[in-house]
């Protein structure tokens, strides 16, 4: 299956490990339909826990295993990919 770039993480949000992402799709809530995504150059696999509060092409994203702001900061500024 071909891998496509679906967005970019812009920054960490709050203290619970959420990140703000910019979706290359017109509906960022479509990301909630994916079981998992790949992030960064190493294509680290993350399960999508939830997507909330879309504003235009941006929304907050919670990834499984990213539970604090300190966990979220290294993930920031990376591209999101999916199969």
PDB file of N, CA and C in Angstrom:
ATOM      1  N   UNK A   1       0.835  -1.174   0.000  1.00  0.00           N
ATOM      2  CA  UNK A   1       0.000   0.000   0.000  1.00  0.00           C
ATOM      3  C   UNK A   1       0.886   1.246   0.000  1.00  0.00           C
ATOM      4  N   UNK A   2       0.498   2.257  -0.737  1.00  0.00           N
ATOM      5  CA  UNK A   2       1.292   3.467  -0.849  1.00  0.00           C
ATOM      6  C   UNK A   2       1.110   4.370   0.375  1.00  0.00           C
ATOM      7  N   UNK A   3       2.209   4.930   0.825  1.00  0.00           N
ATOM      8  CA  UNK A   3       2.196   5.845   1.958  1.00  0.00           C
ATOM      9  C   UNK A   3       1.975   7.270   1.460  1.00  0.00           C
ATOM     10  N   UNK A   4       1.116   8.030   2.162  1.00  0.00           N
ATOM     11  CA  UNK A   4       0.876   9.425   1.778  1.00  0.00           C
ATOM     12  C   UNK A   4       1.072  10.334   2.981  1.00  0.00           C
ATOM     13  N   UNK A   5       1.490  11.548   2.707  1.00  0.00           N
ATOM     14  CA  UNK A   5       1.644  12.548   3.752  1.00  0.00           C
ATOM     15  C   UNK A   5       0.286  13.198   3.970  1.00  0.00           C
ATOM     16  N   UNK A   6      -0.197  13.196   5.232  1.00  0.00           N
ATOM     17  CA  UNK A   6      -1.546  13.680   5.503  1.00  0.00           C
ATOM     18  C   UNK A   6      -1.599  14.944   6.343  1.00  0.00           C
ATOM     19  N   UNK A   7      -0.461  15.389   6.866  1.00  0.00           N
ATOM     20  CA  UNK A   7      -0.465  16.594   7.683  1.00  0.00           C
ATOM     21  C   UNK A   7       0.870  16.817   8.360  1.00  0.00           C
ATOM     22  N   UNK A   8       0.874  17.830   9.238  1.00  0.00           N
ATOM     23  CA  UNK A   8       2.092  18.175   9.967  1.00  0.00           C
ATOM     24  C   UNK A   8       1.724  18.578  11.388  1.00  0.00           C
ATOM     25  N   UNK A   9       2.489  18.072  12.358  1.00  0.00           N
ATOM     26  CA  UNK A   9       2.294  18.484  13.746  1.00  0.00           C
ATOM     27  C   UNK A   9       2.947  19.840  13.921  1.00  0.00           C
ATOM     28  N   UNK A  10       2.170  20.776  14.443  1.00  0.00           N
ATOM     29  CA  UNK A  10       2.626  22.161  14.569  1.00  0.00           C
ATOM     30  C   UNK A  10       3.285  22.412  15.924  1.00  0.00           C
ATOM     31  N   UNK A  11       2.666  21.911  17.010  1.00  0.00           N
ATOM     32  CA  UNK A  11       3.187  22.180  18.346  1.00  0.00           C
ATOM     33  C   UNK A  11       2.513  21.274  19.377  1.00  0.00           C
ATOM     34  N   UNK A  12       3.079  21.222  20.574  1.00  0.00           N
ATOM     35  CA  UNK A  12       2.438  20.538  21.703  1.00  0.00           C
ATOM     36  C   UNK A  12       1.334  21.446  22.237  1.00  0.00           C
ATOM     37  N   UNK A  13       0.268  20.828  22.778  1.00  0.00           N
ATOM     38  CA  UNK A  13      -0.875  21.583  23.302  1.00  0.00           C
ATOM     39  C   UNK A  13      -1.159  21.115  24.725  1.00  0.00           C
ATOM     40  N   UNK A  14      -1.156  22.017  25.684  1.00  0.00           N
ATOM     41  CA  UNK A  14      -1.502  21.675  27.058  1.00  0.00           C
ATOM     42  C   UNK A  14      -0.495  20.748  27.713  1.00  0.00           C
ATOM     43  N   UNK A  15      -0.970  20.055  28.766  1.00  0.00           N
ATOM     44  CA  UNK A  15      -0.065  19.206  29.565  1.00  0.00           C
ATOM     45  C   UNK A  15      -0.382  17.715  29.464  1.00  0.00           C
ATOM     46  N   UNK A  16      -1.405  17.345  28.684  1.00  0.00           N
ATOM     47  CA  UNK A  16      -1.845  15.949  28.632  1.00  0.00           C
ATOM     48  C   UNK A  16      -1.355  15.197  27.405  1.00  0.00           C
ATOM     49  N   UNK A  17      -0.346  15.725  26.723  1.00  0.00           N
ATOM     50  CA  UNK A  17       0.254  15.010  25.609  1.00  0.00           C
ATOM     51  C   UNK A  17      -0.387  15.234  24.257  1.00  0.00           C
ATOM     52  N   UNK A  18      -1.307  16.178  24.158  1.00  0.00           N
ATOM     53  CA  UNK A  18      -1.923  16.454  22.868  1.00  0.00           C
ATOM     54  C   UNK A  18      -1.002  17.318  22.014  1.00  0.00           C
ATOM     55  N   UNK A  19      -1.171  17.191  20.704  1.00  0.00           N
ATOM     56  CA  UNK A  19      -0.436  18.032  19.763  1.00  0.00           C
ATOM     57  C   UNK A  19      -1.429  18.678  18.811  1.00  0.00           C
ATOM     58  N   UNK A  20      -1.075  19.859  18.339  1.00  0.00           N
ATOM     59  CA  UNK A  20      -1.879  20.535  17.323  1.00  0.00           C
ATOM     60  C   UNK A  20      -1.319  20.125  15.973  1.00  0.00           C
ATOM     61  N   UNK A  21      -2.217  19.737  15.063  1.00  0.00           N
ATOM     62  CA  UNK A  21      -1.741  19.353  13.748  1.00  0.00           C
ATOM     63  C   UNK A  21      -2.484  20.111  12.662  1.00  0.00           C
ATOM     64  N   UNK A  22      -1.799  20.306  11.557  1.00  0.00           N
ATOM     65  CA  UNK A  22      -2.367  20.921  10.365  1.00  0.00           C
ATOM     66  C   UNK A  22      -2.624  19.794   9.370  1.00  0.00           C
ATOM     67  N   UNK A  23      -3.880  19.655   8.960  1.00  0.00           N
ATOM     68  CA  UNK A  23      -4.265  18.594   8.043  1.00  0.00           C
ATOM     69  C   UNK A  23      -4.162  19.069   6.602  1.00  0.00           C
ATOM     70  N   UNK A  24      -3.589  18.247   5.733  1.00  0.00           N
ATOM     71  CA  UNK A  24      -3.542  18.565   4.311  1.00  0.00           C
ATOM     72  C   UNK A  24      -4.882  18.252   3.650  1.00  0.00           C
ATOM     73  N   UNK A  25      -5.797  17.618   4.402  1.00  0.00           N
ATOM     74  CA  UNK A  25      -7.155  17.339   3.946  1.00  0.00           C
ATOM     75  C   UNK A  25      -8.048  18.518   4.324  1.00  0.00           C
ATOM     76  N   UNK A  26      -9.200  18.622   3.703  1.00  0.00           N
ATOM     77  CA  UNK A  26     -10.122  19.694   4.058  1.00  0.00           C
ATOM     78  C   UNK A  26     -10.895  19.385   5.341  1.00  0.00           C
ATOM     79  N   UNK A  27     -10.776  18.161   5.866  1.00  0.00           N
ATOM     80  CA  UNK A  27     -11.468  17.765   7.088  1.00  0.00           C
ATOM     81  C   UNK A  27     -10.507  17.045   8.024  1.00  0.00           C
ATOM     82  N   UNK A  28      -9.949  17.744   9.030  1.00  0.00           N
ATOM     83  CA  UNK A  28      -8.987  17.099   9.931  1.00  0.00           C
ATOM     84  C   UNK A  28      -9.589  15.959  10.749  1.00  0.00           C
ATOM     85  N   UNK A  29     -10.910  15.903  10.879  1.00  0.00           N
ATOM     86  CA  UNK A  29     -11.538  14.821  11.641  1.00  0.00           C
ATOM     87  C   UNK A  29     -11.401  13.469  10.942  1.00  0.00           C
ATOM     88  N   UNK A  30     -11.043  13.456   9.671  1.00  0.00           N
ATOM     89  CA  UNK A  30     -10.815  12.196   8.954  1.00  0.00           C
ATOM     90  C   UNK A  30      -9.679  11.405   9.594  1.00  0.00           C
ATOM     91  N   UNK A  31      -8.789  12.098  10.273  1.00  0.00           N
ATOM     92  CA  UNK A  31      -7.673  11.433  10.945  1.00  0.00           C
ATOM     93  C   UNK A  31      -8.178  10.466  12.020  1.00  0.00           C
ATOM     94  N   UNK A  32      -9.333  10.760  12.611  1.00  0.00           N
ATOM     95  CA  UNK A  32      -9.906   9.896  13.651  1.00  0.00           C
ATOM     96  C   UNK A  32     -10.303   8.529  13.095  1.00  0.00           C
ATOM     97  N   UNK A  33     -10.475   8.420  11.789  1.00  0.00           N
ATOM     98  CA  UNK A  33     -10.854   7.155  11.166  1.00  0.00           C
ATOM     99  C   UNK A  33      -9.663   6.198  11.029  1.00  0.00           C
ATOM    100  N   UNK A  34      -8.459   6.718  11.193  1.00  0.00           N
ATOM    101  CA  UNK A  34      -7.260   5.888  11.051  1.00  0.00           C
ATOM    102  C   UNK A  34      -6.927   5.188  12.358  1.00  0.00           C
ATOM    103  N   UNK A  35      -6.508   3.938  12.278  1.00  0.00           N
ATOM    104  CA  UNK A  35      -6.079   3.206  13.462  1.00  0.00           C
ATOM    105  C   UNK A  35      -4.746   3.721  13.960  1.00  0.00           C
ATOM    106  N   UNK A  36      -3.855   4.002  13.021  1.00  0.00           N
ATOM    107  CA  UNK A  36      -2.523   4.473  13.389  1.00  0.00           C
ATOM    108  C   UNK A  36      -1.975   5.357  12.274  1.00  0.00           C
ATOM    109  N   UNK A  37      -0.924   6.096  12.646  1.00  0.00           N
ATOM    110  CA  UNK A  37      -0.224   6.978  11.703  1.00  0.00           C
ATOM    111  C   UNK A  37       1.272   6.809  11.919  1.00  0.00           C
ATOM    112  N   UNK A  38       2.045   7.311  10.990  1.00  0.00           N
ATOM    113  CA  UNK A  38       3.502   7.304  11.093  1.00  0.00           C
ATOM    114  C   UNK A  38       3.971   8.744  11.192  1.00  0.00           C
ATOM    115  N   UNK A  39       4.931   8.979  12.084  1.00  0.00           N
ATOM    116  CA  UNK A  39       5.399  10.344  12.333  1.00  0.00           C
ATOM    117  C   UNK A  39       6.910  10.413  12.187  1.00  0.00           C
ATOM    118  N   UNK A  40       7.369  11.473  11.509  1.00  0.00           N
ATOM    119  CA  UNK A  40       8.788  11.765  11.416  1.00  0.00           C
ATOM    120  C   UNK A  40       9.539  10.990  10.359  1.00  0.00           C
ATOM    121  N   UNK A  41      10.828  11.305  10.274  1.00  0.00           N
ATOM    122  CA  UNK A  41      11.705  10.667   9.284  1.00  0.00           C
ATOM    123  C   UNK A  41      11.856   9.168   9.528  1.00  0.00           C
ATOM    124  N   UNK A  42      11.824   8.775  10.805  1.00  0.00           N
ATOM    125  CA  UNK A  42      11.954   7.351  11.150  1.00  0.00           C
ATOM    126  C   UNK A  42      10.639   6.604  10.997  1.00  0.00           C
ATOM    127  N   UNK A  43       9.572   7.331  10.687  1.00  0.00           N
ATOM    128  CA  UNK A  43       8.232   6.754  10.498  1.00  0.00           C
ATOM    129  C   UNK A  43       7.804   5.928  11.715  1.00  0.00           C
ATOM    130  N   UNK A  44       7.911   6.542  12.891  1.00  0.00           N
ATOM    131  CA  UNK A  44       7.479   5.895  14.123  1.00  0.00           C
ATOM    132  C   UNK A  44       5.964   5.741  14.105  1.00  0.00           C
ATOM    133  N   UNK A  45       5.496   4.541  14.416  1.00  0.00           N
ATOM    134  CA  UNK A  45       4.067   4.233  14.368  1.00  0.00           C
ATOM    135  C   UNK A  45       3.393   4.616  15.689  1.00  0.00           C
ATOM    136  N   UNK A  46       2.270   5.342  15.599  1.00  0.00           N
ATOM    137  CA  UNK A  46       1.478   5.725  16.764  1.00  0.00           C
ATOM    138  C   UNK A  46       0.018   5.380  16.524  1.00  0.00           C
ATOM    139  N   UNK A  47      -0.647   4.883  17.561  1.00  0.00           N
ATOM    140  CA  UNK A  47      -2.090   4.683  17.512  1.00  0.00           C
ATOM    141  C   UNK A  47      -2.769   6.027  17.773  1.00  0.00           C
ATOM    142  N   UNK A  48      -3.821   6.312  17.023  1.00  0.00           N
ATOM    143  CA  UNK A  48      -4.587   7.547  17.201  1.00  0.00           C
ATOM    144  C   UNK A  48      -5.613   7.305  18.306  1.00  0.00           C
ATOM    145  N   UNK A  49      -5.511   8.054  19.422  1.00  0.00           N
ATOM    146  CA  UNK A  49      -6.478   7.930  20.509  1.00  0.00           C
ATOM    147  C   UNK A  49      -7.717   8.757  20.234  1.00  0.00           C
ATOM    148  N   UNK A  50      -7.510  10.039  19.893  1.00  0.00           N
ATOM    149  CA  UNK A  50      -8.659  10.890  19.575  1.00  0.00           C
ATOM    150  C   UNK A  50      -8.212  12.138  18.824  1.00  0.00           C
ATOM    151  N   UNK A  51      -9.185  12.724  18.147  1.00  0.00           N
ATOM    152  CA  UNK A  51      -9.005  13.992  17.452  1.00  0.00           C
ATOM    153  C   UNK A  51     -10.122  14.891  17.944  1.00  0.00           C
ATOM    154  N   UNK A  52      -9.812  16.138  18.297  1.00  0.00           N
ATOM    155  CA  UNK A  52     -10.864  17.014  18.827  1.00  0.00           C
ATOM    156  C   UNK A  52     -10.708  18.458  18.363  1.00  0.00           C
ATOM    157  N   UNK A  53     -11.794  19.179  18.462  1.00  0.00           N
ATOM    158  CA  UNK A  53     -11.869  20.623  18.246  1.00  0.00           C
ATOM    159  C   UNK A  53     -11.236  21.113  16.948  1.00  0.00           C
ATOM    160  N   UNK A  54     -11.749  20.671  15.808  1.00  0.00           N
ATOM    161  CA  UNK A  54     -11.184  21.195  14.562  1.00  0.00           C
ATOM    162  C   UNK A  54     -11.480  22.685  14.393  1.00  0.00           C
ATOM    163  N   UNK A  55     -10.503  23.408  13.921  1.00  0.00           N
ATOM    164  CA  UNK A  55     -10.640  24.834  13.586  1.00  0.00           C
ATOM    165  C   UNK A  55      -9.980  25.010  12.229  1.00  0.00           C
ATOM    166  N   UNK A  56     -10.804  25.042  11.196  1.00  0.00           N
ATOM    167  CA  UNK A  56     -10.250  25.092   9.852  1.00  0.00           C
ATOM    168  C   UNK A  56      -9.554  23.777   9.555  1.00  0.00           C
ATOM    169  N   UNK A  57      -8.305  23.860   9.153  1.00  0.00           N
ATOM    170  CA  UNK A  57      -7.538  22.648   8.845  1.00  0.00           C
ATOM    171  C   UNK A  57      -6.666  22.193  10.013  1.00  0.00           C
ATOM    172  N   UNK A  58      -6.890  22.736  11.213  1.00  0.00           N
ATOM    173  CA  UNK A  58      -6.109  22.309  12.376  1.00  0.00           C
ATOM    174  C   UNK A  58      -7.024  21.685  13.426  1.00  0.00           C
ATOM    175  N   UNK A  59      -6.454  20.816  14.238  1.00  0.00           N
ATOM    176  CA  UNK A  59      -7.188  20.185  15.333  1.00  0.00           C
ATOM    177  C   UNK A  59      -6.176  19.657  16.345  1.00  0.00           C
ATOM    178  N   UNK A  60      -6.676  19.257  17.513  1.00  0.00           N
ATOM    179  CA  UNK A  60      -5.826  18.646  18.535  1.00  0.00           C
ATOM    180  C   UNK A  60      -5.857  17.136  18.341  1.00  0.00           C
ATOM    181  N   UNK A  61      -4.708  16.513  18.487  1.00  0.00           N
ATOM    182  CA  UNK A  61      -4.554  15.079  18.267  1.00  0.00           C
ATOM    183  C   UNK A  61      -3.938  14.448  19.513  1.00  0.00           C
ATOM    184  N   UNK A  62      -4.531  13.351  19.981  1.00  0.00           N
ATOM    185  CA  UNK A  62      -3.979  12.593  21.108  1.00  0.00           C
ATOM    186  C   UNK A  62      -3.491  11.253  20.576  1.00  0.00           C
ATOM    187  N   UNK A  63      -2.223  10.972  20.818  1.00  0.00           N
ATOM    188  CA  UNK A  63      -1.594   9.726  20.370  1.00  0.00           C
ATOM    189  C   UNK A  63      -1.386   8.798  21.564  1.00  0.00           C
ATOM    190  N   UNK A  64      -1.603   7.518  21.365  1.00  0.00           N
ATOM    191  CA  UNK A  64      -1.389   6.533  22.416  1.00  0.00           C
ATOM    192  C   UNK A  64       0.091   6.509  22.801  1.00  0.00           C
ATOM    193  N   UNK A  65       0.372   6.611  24.092  1.00  0.00           N
ATOM    194  CA  UNK A  65       1.747   6.591  24.581  1.00  0.00           C
ATOM    195  C   UNK A  65       2.381   7.967  24.699  1.00  0.00           C
ATOM    196  N   UNK A  66       1.701   8.993  24.223  1.00  0.00           N
ATOM    197  CA  UNK A  66       2.163  10.374  24.361  1.00  0.00           C
ATOM    198  C   UNK A  66       1.241  11.012  25.399  1.00  0.00           C
ATOM    199  N   UNK A  67       1.692  11.016  26.661  1.00  0.00           N
ATOM    200  CA  UNK A  67       0.795  11.345  27.769  1.00  0.00           C
ATOM    201  C   UNK A  67       1.113  12.646  28.502  1.00  0.00           C
ATOM    202  N   UNK A  68       2.241  13.262  28.192  1.00  0.00           N
ATOM    203  CA  UNK A  68       2.600  14.526  28.834  1.00  0.00           C
ATOM    204  C   UNK A  68       3.117  15.494  27.775  1.00  0.00           C
ATOM    205  N   UNK A  69       3.220  16.748  28.153  1.00  0.00           N
ATOM    206  CA  UNK A  69       3.790  17.735  27.234  1.00  0.00           C
ATOM    207  C   UNK A  69       5.223  17.357  26.868  1.00  0.00           C
ATOM    208  N   UNK A  70       5.973  16.836  27.830  1.00  0.00           N
ATOM    209  CA  UNK A  70       7.353  16.416  27.554  1.00  0.00           C
ATOM    210  C   UNK A  70       7.401  15.300  26.512  1.00  0.00           C
ATOM    211  N   UNK A  71       6.398  14.411  26.521  1.00  0.00           N
ATOM    212  CA  UNK A  71       6.313  13.363  25.497  1.00  0.00           C
ATOM    213  C   UNK A  71       5.945  13.961  24.136  1.00  0.00           C
ATOM    214  N   UNK A  72       5.104  14.993  24.144  1.00  0.00           N
ATOM    215  CA  UNK A  72       4.580  15.572  22.906  1.00  0.00           C
ATOM    216  C   UNK A  72       5.591  16.463  22.185  1.00  0.00           C
ATOM    217  N   UNK A  73       6.451  17.125  22.912  1.00  0.00           N
ATOM    218  CA  UNK A  73       7.378  18.076  22.282  1.00  0.00           C
ATOM    219  C   UNK A  73       8.310  17.434  21.250  1.00  0.00           C
ATOM    220  N   UNK A  74       8.894  16.250  21.500  1.00  0.00           N
ATOM    221  CA  UNK A  74       9.752  15.648  20.463  1.00  0.00           C
ATOM    222  C   UNK A  74       8.989  15.233  19.199  1.00  0.00           C
ATOM    223  N   UNK A  75       7.700  15.004  19.320  1.00  0.00           N
ATOM    224  CA  UNK A  75       6.869  14.612  18.182  1.00  0.00           C
ATOM    225  C   UNK A  75       6.522  15.829  17.317  1.00  0.00           C
ATOM    226  N   UNK A  76       6.546  17.010  17.921  1.00  0.00           N
ATOM    227  CA  UNK A  76       6.168  18.247  17.223  1.00  0.00           C
ATOM    228  C   UNK A  76       7.072  18.541  16.040  1.00  0.00           C
ATOM    229  N   UNK A  77       6.531  19.284  15.098  1.00  0.00           N
ATOM    230  CA  UNK A  77       7.238  19.744  13.892  1.00  0.00           C
ATOM    231  C   UNK A  77       7.612  18.593  12.954  1.00  0.00           C
ATOM    232  N   UNK A  78       6.836  17.516  13.006  1.00  0.00           N
ATOM    233  CA  UNK A  78       7.044  16.373  12.124  1.00  0.00           C
ATOM    234  C   UNK A  78       5.838  16.166  11.224  1.00  0.00           C
ATOM    235  N   UNK A  79       6.059  15.518  10.122  1.00  0.00           N
ATOM    236  CA  UNK A  79       4.982  15.213   9.185  1.00  0.00           C
ATOM    237  C   UNK A  79       4.273  13.930   9.574  1.00  0.00           C
ATOM    238  N   UNK A  80       2.981  13.872   9.299  1.00  0.00           N
ATOM    239  CA  UNK A  80       2.163  12.689   9.546  1.00  0.00           C
ATOM    240  C   UNK A  80       2.011  11.938   8.240  1.00  0.00           C
ATOM    241  N   UNK A  81       2.102  10.619   8.301  1.00  0.00           N
ATOM    242  CA  UNK A  81       1.920   9.783   7.104  1.00  0.00           C
ATOM    243  C   UNK A  81       0.972   8.647   7.447  1.00  0.00           C
ATOM    244  N   UNK A  82       0.303   8.149   6.410  1.00  0.00           N
ATOM    245  CA  UNK A  82      -0.611   7.013   6.582  1.00  0.00           C
ATOM    246  C   UNK A  82      -0.532   6.139   5.338  1.00  0.00           C
ATOM    247  N   UNK A  83      -1.001   4.916   5.481  1.00  0.00           N
ATOM    248  CA  UNK A  83      -1.073   3.978   4.344  1.00  0.00           C
ATOM    249  C   UNK A  83      -2.468   4.002   3.809  1.00  0.00           C
TER     250      UNK A  83
END
